[in-house]
C-alpha atoms as a PDB file:
ATOM      1  CA  UNK A   1      28.156 -12.307  10.278  1.00  0.00           C
ATOM      2  CA  UNK A   2      25.012 -10.977   7.996  1.00  0.00           C
ATOM      3  CA  UNK A   3      21.850 -12.596   7.876  1.00  0.00           C
ATOM      4  CA  UNK A   4      18.643 -10.707   6.736  1.00  0.00           C
ATOM      5  CA  UNK A   5      19.733  -9.101   3.504  1.00  0.00           C
ATOM      6  CA  UNK A   6      17.116  -7.013   3.068  1.00  0.00           C
ATOM      7  CA  UNK A   7      18.657  -5.155  -0.348  1.00  0.00           C
ATOM      8  CA  UNK A   8      16.208  -4.303  -3.454  1.00  0.00           C
ATOM      9  CA  UNK A   9      12.486  -1.906  -3.277  1.00  0.00           C
ATOM     10  CA  UNK A  10      10.274  -1.552  -0.273  1.00  0.00           C
ATOM     11  CA  UNK A  11       6.872  -0.730  -0.494  1.00  0.00           C
ATOM     12  CA  UNK A  12       7.240   1.171   3.109  1.00  0.00           C
ATOM     13  CA  UNK A  13      10.089   1.454   5.506  1.00  0.00           C
ATOM     14  CA  UNK A  14       9.292   3.234   8.937  1.00  0.00           C
ATOM     15  CA  UNK A  15      11.416   3.808  12.683  1.00  0.00           C
ATOM     16  CA  UNK A  16       8.824   2.918  15.281  1.00  0.00           C
ATOM     17  CA  UNK A  17       9.728   4.812  18.056  1.00  0.00           C
ATOM     18  CA  UNK A  18       8.856   3.146  21.941  1.00  0.00           C
ATOM     19  CA  UNK A  19      10.053   4.248  26.385  1.00  0.00           C
ATOM     20  CA  UNK A  20      11.537   1.646  28.152  1.00  0.00           C
ATOM     21  CA  UNK A  21      11.878   2.479  31.696  1.00  0.00           C
ATOM     22  CA  UNK A  22      15.270   1.299  32.956  1.00  0.00           C
ATOM     23  CA  UNK A  23      16.139  -0.552  36.316  1.00  0.00           C
ATOM     24  CA  UNK A  24      16.623   3.207  38.335  1.00  0.00           C
ATOM     25  CA  UNK A  25      12.761   3.997  36.844  1.00  0.00           C
ATOM     26  CA  UNK A  26      14.320   6.049  34.513  1.00  0.00           C
ATOM     27  CA  UNK A  27      12.769   5.940  30.702  1.00  0.00           C
ATOM     28  CA  UNK A  28      15.160   5.563  27.908  1.00  0.00           C
ATOM     29  CA  UNK A  29      13.914   5.680  23.882  1.00  0.00           C
ATOM     30  CA  UNK A  30      15.176   3.224  21.286  1.00  0.00           C
ATOM     31  CA  UNK A  31      13.431   2.841  17.692  1.00  0.00           C
ATOM     32  CA  UNK A  32      14.162  -0.061  15.072  1.00  0.00           C
ATOM     33  CA  UNK A  33      13.954   0.450  11.327  1.00  0.00           C
ATOM     34  CA  UNK A  34      10.857  -1.554   9.684  1.00  0.00           C
ATOM     35  CA  UNK A  35      11.146  -3.063   6.268  1.00  0.00           C
ATOM     36  CA  UNK A  36       8.102  -3.934   4.457  1.00  0.00           C
ATOM     37  CA  UNK A  37       7.860  -5.567   0.969  1.00  0.00           C
ATOM     38  CA  UNK A  38       5.203  -7.493  -0.597  1.00  0.00           C
ATOM     39  CA  UNK A  39       3.970  -9.638   2.302  1.00  0.00           C
ATOM     40  CA  UNK A  40       7.556 -10.267   4.364  1.00  0.00           C
ATOM     41  CA  UNK A  41       9.003  -7.570   6.770  1.00  0.00           C
ATOM     42  CA  UNK A  42      12.214  -6.564   8.118  1.00  0.00           C
ATOM     43  CA  UNK A  43      13.613  -5.436  11.598  1.00  0.00           C
ATOM     44  CA  UNK A  44      16.533  -3.785  11.276  1.00  0.00           C
ATOM     45  CA  UNK A  45      17.831  -3.332  14.828  1.00  0.00           C
ATOM     46  CA  UNK A  46      19.466  -0.337  15.002  1.00  0.00           C
ATOM     47  CA  UNK A  47      21.169  -0.588  18.384  1.00  0.00           C
ATOM     48  CA  UNK A  48      23.250  -3.609  16.870  1.00  0.00           C
ATOM     49  CA  UNK A  49      23.443  -1.853  13.501  1.00  0.00           C
ATOM     50  CA  UNK A  50      21.941  -5.488  11.674  1.00  0.00           C
ATOM     51  CA  UNK A  51      18.340  -6.848  10.246  1.00  0.00           C
ATOM     52  CA  UNK A  52      17.321  -9.988  13.148  1.00  0.00           C
ATOM     53  CA  UNK A  53      18.628 -13.346  12.806  1.00  0.00           C
ATOM     54  CA  UNK A  54      15.817 -14.960  10.641  1.00  0.00           C
ATOM     55  CA  UNK A  55      14.686 -12.329   9.481  1.00  0.00           C
ATOM     56  CA  UNK A  56      12.652 -11.634   6.775  1.00  0.00           C
ATOM     57  CA  UNK A  57       9.085 -12.839   8.519  1.00  0.00           C
ATOM     58  CA  UNK A  58       5.757 -13.213   7.126  1.00  0.00           C
ATOM     59  CA  UNK A  59       3.950  -9.584   8.092  1.00  0.00           C
ATOM     60  CA  UNK A  60       1.179 -11.563   9.472  1.00  0.00           C
ATOM     61  CA  UNK A  61       3.487 -13.876  11.640  1.00  0.00           C
ATOM     62  CA  UNK A  62       4.642 -10.731  13.300  1.00  0.00           C
ATOM     63  CA  UNK A  63       1.643  -8.116  13.159  1.00  0.00           C
ATOM     64  CA  UNK A  64      -1.515  -9.453  13.829  1.00  0.00           C
ATOM     65  CA  UNK A  65      -4.671  -9.148  12.195  1.00  0.00           C
ATOM     66  CA  UNK A  66      -2.435  -6.034   9.398  1.00  0.00           C
ATOM     67  CA  UNK A  67      -3.228  -6.832   6.319  1.00  0.00           C
ATOM     68  CA  UNK A  68      -1.074 -10.269   4.357  1.00  0.00           C
ATOM     69  CA  UNK A  69       0.505  -7.641   2.319  1.00  0.00           C
ATOM     70  CA  UNK A  70       1.477  -4.488  -0.094  1.00  0.00           C
ATOM     71  CA  UNK A  71       0.878  -2.418   2.868  1.00  0.00           C
ATOM     72  CA  UNK A  72       1.941   1.420   1.613  1.00  0.00           C
ATOM     73  CA  UNK A  73       2.971   3.269   4.859  1.00  0.00           C
ATOM     74  CA  UNK A  74       2.801   4.439   8.162  1.00  0.00           C
ATOM     75  CA  UNK A  75       2.212   6.522  10.925  1.00  0.00           C
ATOM     76  CA  UNK A  76       3.187   7.675  14.257  1.00  0.00           C
ATOM     77  CA  UNK A  77       1.876  10.322  15.343  1.00  0.00           C
ATOM     78  CA  UNK A  78       3.900  10.886  19.757  1.00  0.00           C
ATOM     79  CA  UNK A  79       2.765  14.755  20.448  1.00  0.00           C
ATOM     80  CA  UNK A  80       2.160  15.554  24.544  1.00  0.00           C
ATOM     81  CA  UNK A  81      -0.427  18.324  25.171  1.00  0.00           C
ATOM     82  CA  UNK A  82       0.648  22.256  25.632  1.00  0.00           C
ATOM     83  CA  UNK A  83       1.660  21.919  28.909  1.00  0.00           C
ATOM     84  CA  UNK A  84       3.852  18.009  29.014  1.00  0.00           C
ATOM     85  CA  UNK A  85       0.569  16.383  30.938  1.00  0.00           C
ATOM     86  CA  UNK A  86      -0.608  14.580  28.673  1.00  0.00           C
ATOM     87  CA  UNK A  87       0.616  12.467  25.982  1.00  0.00           C
ATOM     88  CA  UNK A  88      -0.140  11.093  22.728  1.00  0.00           C
ATOM     89  CA  UNK A  89       1.295   8.277  21.065  1.00  0.00           C
ATOM     90  CA  UNK A  90      -0.858   6.181  17.923  1.00  0.00           C
ATOM     91  CA  UNK A  91       0.290   4.134  14.676  1.00  0.00           C
ATOM     92  CA  UNK A  92      -1.377   3.848  11.966  1.00  0.00           C
ATOM     93  CA  UNK A  93      -1.362   1.146   8.689  1.00  0.00           C
ATOM     94  CA  UNK A  94      -2.966   2.635   6.079  1.00  0.00           C
ATOM     95  CA  UNK A  95      -3.907   0.313   2.349  1.00  0.00           C
ATOM     96  CA  UNK A  96      -5.563   1.515  -0.393  1.00  0.00           C
ATOM     97  CA  UNK A  97      -8.973   2.880   1.762  1.00  0.00           C
ATOM     98  CA  UNK A  98      -8.825   0.928   4.206  1.00  0.00           C
ATOM     99  CA  UNK A  99      -6.207   2.611   7.820  1.00  0.00           C
ATOM    100  CA  UNK A 100      -5.193  -0.514  10.833  1.00  0.00           C
ATOM    101  CA  UNK A 101      -5.058   1.566  14.527  1.00  0.00           C
ATOM    102  CA  UNK A 102      -1.929  -0.223  15.980  1.00  0.00           C
ATOM    103  CA  UNK A 103      -2.506  -1.223  19.125  1.00  0.00           C
ATOM    104  CA  UNK A 104       1.511  -2.177  20.457  1.00  0.00           C
ATOM    105  CA  UNK A 105       0.613  -2.206  24.506  1.00  0.00           C
ATOM    106  CA  UNK A 106      -2.018  -5.133  23.042  1.00  0.00           C
ATOM    107  CA  UNK A 107      -0.098  -6.428  19.952  1.00  0.00           C
ATOM    108  CA  UNK A 108      -2.258  -6.058  17.601  1.00  0.00           C
ATOM    109  CA  UNK A 109      -4.272  -3.671  15.268  1.00  0.00           C
ATOM    110  CA  UNK A 110      -7.877  -2.485  14.494  1.00  0.00           C
ATOM    111  CA  UNK A 111      -9.230  -1.841  11.161  1.00  0.00           C
ATOM    112  CA  UNK A 112     -11.135   1.223   9.956  1.00  0.00           C
ATOM    113  CA  UNK A 113     -12.759   2.429   5.902  1.00  0.00           C
ATOM    114  CA  UNK A 114     -11.132   6.000   5.453  1.00  0.00           C
END
């Protein structure tokens, strides 16, 4: 069954990589692909090879404190220091001259002027 069709031009497309611990405590890595167009977004479930049921969804519904439409870019910085002791994992969204730092733990963004 095909649902949540996302075809045509998009403002921004990105993979969201994240970690989860399995039942044995081992860290596993997962990712989904997001497609943003105007005021809407689609989640592509890479494991299932399909878009999420019910998509598209308004950006304002799924991403708290981001602009309601026309996001220009997304950057995910995921790096460790040279001894692999400390990880930096931050996400930024951009629109025009502003950027938003996204906090995935609290599921919200904070705006800054560029």
